[in-house]
């Protein structure tokens, strides 16, 4: 993590300031990351959960568009830079102890936010109140892809790692 970007934020000095104050002093984890939940501004649907580092958080705040840190590719990722499905920030919030972000966005284009082609990365549900074993099957909650990932991303490597 670049020291220059880390210096954009206040140092975490007191619990009172972190919880009740007006200084932005995000708590990045041991890898320099903070989780970010992203929802659709119009519907409230959860679109994705990603991570930001100090640089991507700075770029997000300054540009009004979502930037994340890709853990699989180990680099800053401007959401929609390849697909055109940019996430324009409507509102950005930080939780009480400043260790989690929430952004509400309007997505350009088809409105999809998932690299698999769905609107949301949360397109399967886990059955509850049943026995957990190797036969447990996910249920698709969203059947329709809004774009073809192979057409959009062409020869780029898939960010999903085994």
N, C-alpha and C. Protein backbone atom coordinates (compact mmCIF):
# COMPACT_ATOMS: atom_id res chain seq x y z
N UNK A 1 0.85 -1.17 0.00
CA UNK A 1 0.00 0.00 0.00
C UNK A 1 0.89 1.23 0.00
N UNK A 2 0.59 2.16 -0.87
CA UNK A 2 1.39 3.37 -0.98
C UNK A 2 1.17 4.27 0.22
N UNK A 3 2.27 4.70 0.83
CA UNK A 3 2.21 5.61 1.97
C UNK A 3 1.48 6.89 1.60
N UNK A 4 1.68 7.37 0.37
CA UNK A 4 1.05 8.62 -0.05
C UNK A 4 -0.47 8.55 0.09
N UNK A 5 -1.06 7.45 -0.32
CA UNK A 5 -2.52 7.32 -0.23
C UNK A 5 -2.96 7.11 1.21
N UNK A 6 -2.20 6.36 1.97
CA UNK A 6 -2.55 6.13 3.38
C UNK A 6 -2.60 7.46 4.12
N UNK A 7 -1.75 8.39 3.75
CA UNK A 7 -1.70 9.70 4.41
C UNK A 7 -2.91 10.57 4.09
N UNK A 8 -3.77 10.13 3.17
CA UNK A 8 -5.00 10.88 2.87
C UNK A 8 -6.01 10.79 4.00
N UNK A 9 -5.81 9.85 4.91
CA UNK A 9 -6.80 9.61 5.95
C UNK A 9 -6.21 9.88 7.32
N UNK A 10 -7.08 10.29 8.23
CA UNK A 10 -6.66 10.58 9.60
C UNK A 10 -6.18 9.33 10.30
N UNK A 11 -5.23 9.49 11.19
CA UNK A 11 -4.77 8.37 12.01
C UNK A 11 -5.87 8.05 13.02
N UNK A 12 -5.97 6.79 13.37
CA UNK A 12 -6.95 6.34 14.35
C UNK A 12 -6.37 6.58 15.74
N UNK A 13 -6.90 7.60 16.40
CA UNK A 13 -6.33 8.03 17.68
C UNK A 13 -7.18 7.63 18.87
N UNK A 14 -8.49 7.81 18.77
CA UNK A 14 -9.35 7.50 19.90
C UNK A 14 -10.64 6.84 19.43
N UNK A 15 -11.20 5.99 20.29
CA UNK A 15 -12.46 5.34 19.99
C UNK A 15 -13.55 6.38 19.80
N UNK A 16 -13.54 7.40 20.65
CA UNK A 16 -14.56 8.44 20.55
C UNK A 16 -14.54 9.11 19.18
N UNK A 17 -13.35 9.45 18.68
CA UNK A 17 -13.26 10.10 17.37
C UNK A 17 -13.67 9.14 16.27
N UNK A 18 -13.24 7.89 16.37
CA UNK A 18 -13.58 6.89 15.35
C UNK A 18 -15.10 6.69 15.28
N UNK A 19 -15.75 6.55 16.43
CA UNK A 19 -17.18 6.24 16.47
C UNK A 19 -18.10 7.45 16.37
N UNK A 20 -17.68 8.57 16.91
CA UNK A 20 -18.58 9.72 16.99
C UNK A 20 -18.08 10.96 16.25
N UNK A 21 -16.83 10.95 15.85
CA UNK A 21 -16.23 12.12 15.23
C UNK A 21 -16.53 12.23 13.74
N UNK A 22 -15.93 13.23 13.13
CA UNK A 22 -16.17 13.47 11.71
C UNK A 22 -14.91 13.24 10.85
N UNK A 23 -13.86 12.70 11.45
CA UNK A 23 -12.64 12.41 10.70
C UNK A 23 -12.75 11.04 10.04
N UNK A 24 -12.39 10.99 8.76
CA UNK A 24 -12.36 9.71 8.06
C UNK A 24 -11.04 9.02 8.39
N UNK A 25 -11.15 7.92 9.14
CA UNK A 25 -9.95 7.16 9.54
C UNK A 25 -10.24 5.67 9.39
N UNK A 26 -10.34 5.21 8.13
CA UNK A 26 -10.69 3.81 7.88
C UNK A 26 -9.68 2.85 8.48
N UNK A 27 -10.20 1.71 8.94
CA UNK A 27 -9.34 0.66 9.47
C UNK A 27 -9.13 -0.39 8.39
N UNK A 28 -7.96 -0.36 7.80
CA UNK A 28 -7.59 -1.34 6.80
C UNK A 28 -7.06 -2.57 7.52
N UNK A 29 -7.30 -3.76 6.97
CA UNK A 29 -6.83 -4.99 7.62
C UNK A 29 -5.33 -5.17 7.43
N UNK A 30 -4.82 -6.31 7.87
CA UNK A 30 -3.38 -6.57 7.81
C UNK A 30 -2.84 -6.59 6.38
N UNK A 31 -3.73 -6.74 5.39
CA UNK A 31 -3.33 -6.69 3.98
C UNK A 31 -3.56 -5.32 3.36
N UNK A 32 -3.96 -4.36 4.21
CA UNK A 32 -4.20 -3.01 3.71
C UNK A 32 -5.53 -2.84 3.01
N UNK A 33 -6.51 -3.71 3.33
CA UNK A 33 -7.80 -3.70 2.64
C UNK A 33 -8.95 -3.43 3.60
N UNK A 34 -10.02 -2.87 3.05
CA UNK A 34 -11.26 -2.65 3.78
C UNK A 34 -12.40 -3.19 2.91
N UNK A 35 -13.34 -3.99 3.48
CA UNK A 35 -14.44 -4.52 2.67
C UNK A 35 -15.42 -3.42 2.28
N UNK A 36 -16.03 -3.60 1.10
CA UNK A 36 -16.99 -2.64 0.59
C UNK A 36 -18.19 -3.38 0.01
N UNK A 37 -19.35 -3.13 0.57
CA UNK A 37 -20.60 -3.71 0.08
C UNK A 37 -21.19 -2.70 -0.91
N UNK A 38 -21.61 -3.19 -2.07
CA UNK A 38 -22.13 -2.32 -3.12
C UNK A 38 -23.57 -2.69 -3.42
N UNK A 39 -24.47 -1.70 -3.37
CA UNK A 39 -25.88 -1.94 -3.66
C UNK A 39 -26.35 -1.04 -4.80
N UNK A 40 -27.41 -1.49 -5.47
CA UNK A 40 -28.04 -0.72 -6.54
C UNK A 40 -28.86 0.40 -5.91
N UNK A 41 -28.62 1.61 -6.31
CA UNK A 41 -29.33 2.75 -5.70
C UNK A 41 -30.83 2.71 -5.95
N UNK A 42 -31.25 2.21 -7.09
CA UNK A 42 -32.68 2.21 -7.42
C UNK A 42 -33.46 1.10 -6.73
N UNK A 43 -32.85 -0.09 -6.60
CA UNK A 43 -33.59 -1.23 -6.07
C UNK A 43 -33.17 -1.64 -4.67
N UNK A 44 -31.98 -1.24 -4.26
CA UNK A 44 -31.44 -1.68 -2.98
C UNK A 44 -30.81 -3.06 -3.04
N UNK A 45 -30.83 -3.71 -4.21
CA UNK A 45 -30.23 -5.03 -4.35
C UNK A 45 -28.74 -4.98 -4.06
N UNK A 46 -28.24 -6.00 -3.36
CA UNK A 46 -26.80 -6.12 -3.15
C UNK A 46 -26.20 -6.59 -4.47
N UNK A 47 -25.26 -5.81 -4.99
CA UNK A 47 -24.63 -6.14 -6.26
C UNK A 47 -23.35 -6.93 -6.08
N UNK A 48 -22.56 -6.53 -5.10
CA UNK A 48 -21.28 -7.21 -4.91
C UNK A 48 -20.67 -6.83 -3.57
N UNK A 49 -19.65 -7.57 -3.21
CA UNK A 49 -18.82 -7.25 -2.05
C UNK A 49 -17.40 -7.32 -2.54
N UNK A 50 -16.68 -6.23 -2.40
CA UNK A 50 -15.30 -6.18 -2.84
C UNK A 50 -14.44 -5.56 -1.76
N UNK A 51 -13.21 -5.28 -2.12
CA UNK A 51 -12.27 -4.67 -1.18
C UNK A 51 -11.67 -3.41 -1.80
N UNK A 52 -11.34 -2.49 -0.95
CA UNK A 52 -10.61 -1.29 -1.37
C UNK A 52 -9.35 -1.19 -0.52
N UNK A 53 -8.31 -0.63 -1.12
CA UNK A 53 -7.14 -0.25 -0.33
C UNK A 53 -7.14 1.28 -0.29
N UNK A 54 -6.13 1.88 0.30
CA UNK A 54 -6.12 3.34 0.44
C UNK A 54 -6.16 4.03 -0.91
N UNK A 55 -5.46 3.46 -1.89
CA UNK A 55 -5.44 4.07 -3.23
C UNK A 55 -6.79 3.99 -3.92
N UNK A 56 -7.42 2.81 -3.90
CA UNK A 56 -8.71 2.68 -4.58
C UNK A 56 -9.80 3.47 -3.85
N UNK A 57 -9.73 3.56 -2.53
CA UNK A 57 -10.68 4.37 -1.78
C UNK A 57 -10.51 5.84 -2.15
N UNK A 58 -9.28 6.29 -2.24
CA UNK A 58 -9.01 7.67 -2.64
C UNK A 58 -9.56 7.95 -4.04
N UNK A 59 -9.29 7.05 -4.99
CA UNK A 59 -9.76 7.24 -6.37
C UNK A 59 -11.29 7.22 -6.43
N UNK A 60 -11.92 6.37 -5.63
CA UNK A 60 -13.38 6.29 -5.59
C UNK A 60 -13.96 7.61 -5.10
N UNK A 61 -13.44 8.11 -4.00
CA UNK A 61 -13.94 9.36 -3.43
C UNK A 61 -13.73 10.52 -4.41
N UNK A 62 -12.54 10.60 -4.99
CA UNK A 62 -12.21 11.73 -5.86
C UNK A 62 -12.95 11.70 -7.20
N UNK A 63 -13.20 10.50 -7.75
CA UNK A 63 -13.82 10.40 -9.08
C UNK A 63 -15.34 10.25 -9.04
N UNK A 64 -15.86 9.73 -7.92
CA UNK A 64 -17.30 9.43 -7.87
C UNK A 64 -17.65 8.14 -8.58
N UNK A 65 -16.63 7.38 -9.00
CA UNK A 65 -16.83 6.06 -9.62
C UNK A 65 -16.12 5.03 -8.76
N UNK A 66 -16.63 3.79 -8.76
CA UNK A 66 -16.08 2.75 -7.90
C UNK A 66 -14.76 2.19 -8.44
N UNK A 67 -13.77 2.18 -7.55
CA UNK A 67 -12.49 1.52 -7.78
C UNK A 67 -12.34 0.51 -6.65
N UNK A 68 -11.86 -0.66 -6.96
CA UNK A 68 -11.65 -1.70 -5.96
C UNK A 68 -10.21 -2.18 -6.05
N UNK A 69 -9.83 -3.01 -5.09
CA UNK A 69 -8.54 -3.69 -5.16
C UNK A 69 -8.83 -5.15 -5.46
N UNK A 70 -8.33 -5.66 -6.57
CA UNK A 70 -8.52 -7.06 -6.94
C UNK A 70 -7.50 -7.91 -6.20
N UNK A 71 -7.99 -8.75 -5.29
CA UNK A 71 -7.09 -9.64 -4.55
C UNK A 71 -6.52 -10.72 -5.46
N UNK A 72 -7.29 -11.17 -6.45
CA UNK A 72 -6.80 -12.23 -7.34
C UNK A 72 -5.75 -11.70 -8.32
N UNK A 73 -5.94 -10.47 -8.78
CA UNK A 73 -4.98 -9.89 -9.74
C UNK A 73 -3.96 -8.97 -9.07
N UNK A 74 -4.17 -8.71 -7.78
CA UNK A 74 -3.27 -7.87 -6.99
C UNK A 74 -3.02 -6.50 -7.62
N UNK A 75 -4.14 -5.85 -7.96
CA UNK A 75 -4.02 -4.51 -8.55
C UNK A 75 -5.33 -3.74 -8.38
N UNK A 76 -5.23 -2.43 -8.58
CA UNK A 76 -6.41 -1.56 -8.55
C UNK A 76 -7.28 -1.90 -9.76
N UNK A 77 -8.58 -1.90 -9.53
CA UNK A 77 -9.54 -2.27 -10.56
C UNK A 77 -10.62 -1.21 -10.62
N UNK A 78 -10.71 -0.50 -11.74
CA UNK A 78 -11.75 0.50 -11.97
C UNK A 78 -12.95 -0.26 -12.53
N UNK A 79 -13.97 -0.42 -11.72
CA UNK A 79 -15.14 -1.21 -12.10
C UNK A 79 -15.74 -0.66 -13.38
N UNK A 80 -15.85 -1.52 -14.39
CA UNK A 80 -16.45 -1.14 -15.66
C UNK A 80 -15.47 -0.61 -16.69
N UNK A 81 -14.18 -0.56 -16.37
CA UNK A 81 -13.22 -0.02 -17.33
C UNK A 81 -13.13 -0.88 -18.59
N UNK A 82 -13.37 -2.18 -18.48
CA UNK A 82 -13.37 -3.06 -19.64
C UNK A 82 -14.79 -3.25 -20.18
N UNK A 83 -15.73 -3.54 -19.29
CA UNK A 83 -17.09 -3.88 -19.69
C UNK A 83 -17.95 -2.65 -20.02
N UNK A 84 -17.56 -1.48 -19.54
CA UNK A 84 -18.39 -0.29 -19.71
C UNK A 84 -19.46 -0.16 -18.64
N UNK A 85 -19.53 -1.14 -17.73
CA UNK A 85 -20.56 -1.16 -16.69
C UNK A 85 -20.04 -0.45 -15.44
N UNK A 86 -19.71 0.82 -15.59
CA UNK A 86 -19.14 1.59 -14.48
C UNK A 86 -20.17 1.81 -13.39
N UNK A 87 -19.68 1.88 -12.17
CA UNK A 87 -20.54 2.12 -11.02
C UNK A 87 -20.36 3.57 -10.58
N UNK A 88 -21.40 4.38 -10.82
CA UNK A 88 -21.38 5.78 -10.39
C UNK A 88 -21.94 5.86 -8.98
N UNK A 89 -21.14 6.42 -8.07
CA UNK A 89 -21.51 6.47 -6.66
C UNK A 89 -22.62 7.50 -6.45
N UNK A 90 -23.69 7.07 -5.78
CA UNK A 90 -24.76 7.97 -5.37
C UNK A 90 -24.53 8.37 -3.91
N UNK A 91 -24.14 7.38 -3.10
CA UNK A 91 -23.88 7.62 -1.68
C UNK A 91 -22.82 6.65 -1.21
N UNK A 92 -21.98 7.14 -0.29
CA UNK A 92 -20.93 6.30 0.28
C UNK A 92 -20.99 6.44 1.79
N UNK A 93 -21.02 5.31 2.49
CA UNK A 93 -21.13 5.31 3.94
C UNK A 93 -20.00 4.46 4.52
N UNK A 94 -19.66 4.75 5.77
CA UNK A 94 -18.70 3.93 6.51
C UNK A 94 -19.35 3.54 7.82
N UNK A 95 -19.06 2.34 8.31
CA UNK A 95 -19.73 1.85 9.52
C UNK A 95 -19.16 2.49 10.78
N UNK A 96 -19.73 2.13 11.93
CA UNK A 96 -19.44 2.79 13.20
C UNK A 96 -17.97 2.74 13.61
N UNK A 97 -17.29 1.62 13.38
CA UNK A 97 -15.88 1.57 13.76
C UNK A 97 -14.96 1.74 12.56
N UNK A 98 -15.53 2.18 11.46
CA UNK A 98 -14.80 2.55 10.24
C UNK A 98 -13.96 1.42 9.66
N UNK A 99 -14.52 0.19 9.70
CA UNK A 99 -13.79 -0.93 9.10
C UNK A 99 -14.57 -1.62 7.98
N UNK A 100 -15.64 -0.96 7.50
CA UNK A 100 -16.43 -1.49 6.40
C UNK A 100 -17.12 -0.34 5.68
N UNK A 101 -17.10 -0.40 4.35
CA UNK A 101 -17.74 0.63 3.52
C UNK A 101 -19.02 0.09 2.89
N UNK A 102 -19.92 1.00 2.58
CA UNK A 102 -21.13 0.65 1.83
C UNK A 102 -21.32 1.74 0.80
N UNK A 103 -21.43 1.34 -0.47
CA UNK A 103 -21.70 2.32 -1.51
C UNK A 103 -22.98 1.95 -2.24
N UNK A 104 -23.75 2.98 -2.54
CA UNK A 104 -24.96 2.83 -3.33
C UNK A 104 -24.62 3.42 -4.70
N UNK A 105 -24.89 2.66 -5.76
CA UNK A 105 -24.43 3.06 -7.10
C UNK A 105 -25.53 2.98 -8.14
N UNK A 106 -25.30 3.70 -9.22
CA UNK A 106 -26.06 3.53 -10.46
C UNK A 106 -25.06 2.94 -11.44
N UNK A 107 -25.45 1.82 -12.05
CA UNK A 107 -24.55 1.12 -12.97
C UNK A 107 -24.87 1.54 -14.39
N UNK A 108 -23.85 1.94 -15.13
CA UNK A 108 -24.02 2.30 -16.54
C UNK A 108 -24.31 1.05 -17.37
N UNK A 109 -24.86 1.24 -18.53
CA UNK A 109 -25.07 0.12 -19.46
C UNK A 109 -26.23 -0.75 -19.05
N UNK A 110 -26.04 -2.07 -19.13
CA UNK A 110 -27.13 -3.02 -18.87
C UNK A 110 -27.50 -3.11 -17.40
N UNK A 111 -26.70 -2.51 -16.53
CA UNK A 111 -26.98 -2.57 -15.10
C UNK A 111 -26.36 -3.76 -14.41
N UNK A 112 -25.61 -4.57 -15.15
CA UNK A 112 -24.97 -5.75 -14.55
C UNK A 112 -23.72 -5.33 -13.79
N UNK A 113 -23.45 -6.03 -12.70
CA UNK A 113 -22.23 -5.77 -11.93
C UNK A 113 -21.37 -7.00 -11.75
N UNK A 114 -21.84 -8.15 -12.19
CA UNK A 114 -21.11 -9.39 -11.97
C UNK A 114 -20.33 -9.78 -13.22
N UNK A 115 -19.08 -10.18 -13.04
CA UNK A 115 -18.26 -10.57 -14.20
C UNK A 115 -18.78 -11.84 -14.89
N UNK A 116 -19.71 -12.54 -14.23
CA UNK A 116 -20.29 -13.75 -14.81
C UNK A 116 -21.46 -13.38 -15.75
N UNK A 117 -21.92 -12.11 -15.69
CA UNK A 117 -22.97 -11.63 -16.58
C UNK A 117 -24.28 -11.30 -15.93
N UNK A 118 -24.42 -11.60 -14.64
CA UNK A 118 -25.66 -11.31 -13.93
C UNK A 118 -25.66 -9.90 -13.38
N UNK A 119 -26.83 -9.41 -13.00
CA UNK A 119 -26.95 -8.08 -12.41
C UNK A 119 -26.13 -8.00 -11.13
N UNK A 120 -26.24 -9.02 -10.29
CA UNK A 120 -25.59 -9.05 -8.99
C UNK A 120 -24.67 -10.25 -8.88
N UNK A 121 -23.62 -10.11 -8.12
CA UNK A 121 -22.74 -11.26 -7.84
C UNK A 121 -23.44 -12.26 -6.92
N UNK A 122 -24.52 -11.85 -6.29
CA UNK A 122 -25.29 -12.71 -5.39
C UNK A 122 -26.49 -13.27 -6.15
N UNK A 123 -26.23 -14.23 -7.03
CA UNK A 123 -27.28 -14.77 -7.89
C UNK A 123 -27.69 -16.19 -7.52
N UNK A 124 -27.19 -16.68 -6.38
CA UNK A 124 -27.59 -18.02 -5.89
C UNK A 124 -27.91 -17.93 -4.41
N UNK A 125 -28.89 -18.71 -3.99
CA UNK A 125 -29.23 -18.72 -2.57
C UNK A 125 -28.85 -20.08 -1.97
N UNK A 126 -28.61 -20.04 -0.67
CA UNK A 126 -28.28 -21.26 0.08
C UNK A 126 -29.52 -21.68 0.84
N UNK A 127 -30.00 -22.91 0.62
CA UNK A 127 -31.18 -23.36 1.37
C UNK A 127 -30.88 -23.36 2.87
N UNK A 128 -31.86 -22.93 3.66
CA UNK A 128 -31.67 -22.92 5.11
C UNK A 128 -32.65 -23.88 5.78
N UNK A 129 -32.38 -24.16 7.03
CA UNK A 129 -33.19 -25.07 7.86
C UNK A 129 -33.22 -26.48 7.28
N UNK A 130 -32.08 -26.90 6.80
CA UNK A 130 -31.95 -28.26 6.28
C UNK A 130 -30.60 -28.82 6.69
N UNK A 131 -30.41 -30.06 6.41
CA UNK A 131 -29.16 -30.74 6.74
C UNK A 131 -28.03 -30.22 5.84
N UNK A 132 -26.90 -29.93 6.47
CA UNK A 132 -25.73 -29.50 5.71
C UNK A 132 -24.85 -30.70 5.48
N UNK A 133 -24.66 -31.01 4.20
CA UNK A 133 -23.77 -32.09 3.81
C UNK A 133 -23.33 -31.82 2.38
N UNK A 134 -22.61 -32.75 1.80
CA UNK A 134 -22.07 -32.55 0.45
C UNK A 134 -23.16 -32.53 -0.62
N UNK A 135 -24.37 -32.91 -0.27
CA UNK A 135 -25.48 -32.89 -1.23
C UNK A 135 -26.23 -31.57 -1.25
N UNK A 136 -25.85 -30.64 -0.39
CA UNK A 136 -26.51 -29.34 -0.34
C UNK A 136 -26.30 -28.62 -1.67
N UNK A 137 -27.36 -28.18 -2.29
CA UNK A 137 -27.29 -27.54 -3.60
C UNK A 137 -27.77 -26.09 -3.52
N UNK A 138 -27.04 -25.23 -4.19
CA UNK A 138 -27.44 -23.83 -4.28
C UNK A 138 -28.62 -23.70 -5.23
N UNK A 139 -29.41 -22.66 -5.02
CA UNK A 139 -30.57 -22.39 -5.87
C UNK A 139 -30.33 -21.08 -6.60
N UNK A 140 -30.47 -21.10 -7.91
CA UNK A 140 -30.27 -19.87 -8.69
C UNK A 140 -31.43 -18.92 -8.43
N UNK A 141 -31.08 -17.72 -7.99
CA UNK A 141 -32.10 -16.71 -7.71
C UNK A 141 -32.33 -15.82 -8.93
N UNK A 142 -31.34 -15.71 -9.79
CA UNK A 142 -31.39 -14.83 -10.95
C UNK A 142 -30.98 -15.65 -12.15
N UNK A 143 -31.89 -15.95 -13.04
CA UNK A 143 -31.60 -16.86 -14.15
C UNK A 143 -31.05 -16.18 -15.40
N UNK A 144 -31.31 -14.90 -15.56
CA UNK A 144 -30.98 -14.24 -16.82
C UNK A 144 -29.67 -13.45 -16.75
N UNK A 145 -28.76 -13.78 -17.65
CA UNK A 145 -27.53 -12.99 -17.76
C UNK A 145 -27.84 -11.74 -18.58
N UNK A 146 -27.23 -10.64 -18.18
CA UNK A 146 -27.46 -9.38 -18.87
C UNK A 146 -26.41 -9.11 -19.94
N UNK A 147 -25.33 -9.88 -19.92
CA UNK A 147 -24.32 -9.81 -20.98
C UNK A 147 -23.55 -11.12 -21.03
N UNK A 148 -22.86 -11.34 -22.15
CA UNK A 148 -22.05 -12.53 -22.34
C UNK A 148 -20.62 -12.21 -21.92
N UNK A 149 -20.13 -12.80 -20.81
CA UNK A 149 -18.79 -12.49 -20.33
C UNK A 149 -17.69 -12.78 -21.34
N UNK A 150 -17.83 -13.83 -22.13
CA UNK A 150 -16.79 -14.14 -23.12
C UNK A 150 -16.69 -13.06 -24.19
N UNK A 151 -17.84 -12.49 -24.56
CA UNK A 151 -17.85 -11.42 -25.55
C UNK A 151 -17.28 -10.13 -24.97
N UNK A 152 -17.61 -9.84 -23.73
CA UNK A 152 -17.18 -8.59 -23.11
C UNK A 152 -15.71 -8.62 -22.70
N UNK A 153 -15.29 -9.70 -22.04
CA UNK A 153 -13.94 -9.75 -21.48
C UNK A 153 -12.92 -10.42 -22.38
N UNK A 154 -13.38 -11.04 -23.47
CA UNK A 154 -12.52 -11.68 -24.47
C UNK A 154 -11.39 -12.50 -23.87
N UNK A 155 -10.15 -12.08 -24.02
CA UNK A 155 -9.00 -12.89 -23.58
C UNK A 155 -8.50 -12.56 -22.19
N UNK A 156 -9.20 -11.71 -21.45
CA UNK A 156 -8.75 -11.38 -20.09
C UNK A 156 -8.91 -12.60 -19.19
N UNK A 157 -8.00 -12.80 -18.24
CA UNK A 157 -8.12 -13.95 -17.35
C UNK A 157 -9.32 -13.80 -16.41
N UNK A 158 -9.96 -14.90 -16.12
CA UNK A 158 -11.08 -14.91 -15.20
C UNK A 158 -10.54 -14.61 -13.79
N UNK A 159 -11.17 -13.66 -13.06
CA UNK A 159 -10.67 -13.34 -11.73
C UNK A 159 -10.96 -14.40 -10.68
N UNK A 160 -11.87 -15.34 -10.98
CA UNK A 160 -12.19 -16.40 -10.01
C UNK A 160 -11.04 -17.40 -9.98
N UNK A 161 -10.56 -17.66 -8.79
CA UNK A 161 -9.46 -18.62 -8.60
C UNK A 161 -9.94 -19.84 -7.83
N UNK A 162 -9.43 -21.00 -8.19
CA UNK A 162 -9.81 -22.25 -7.51
C UNK A 162 -9.07 -22.37 -6.20
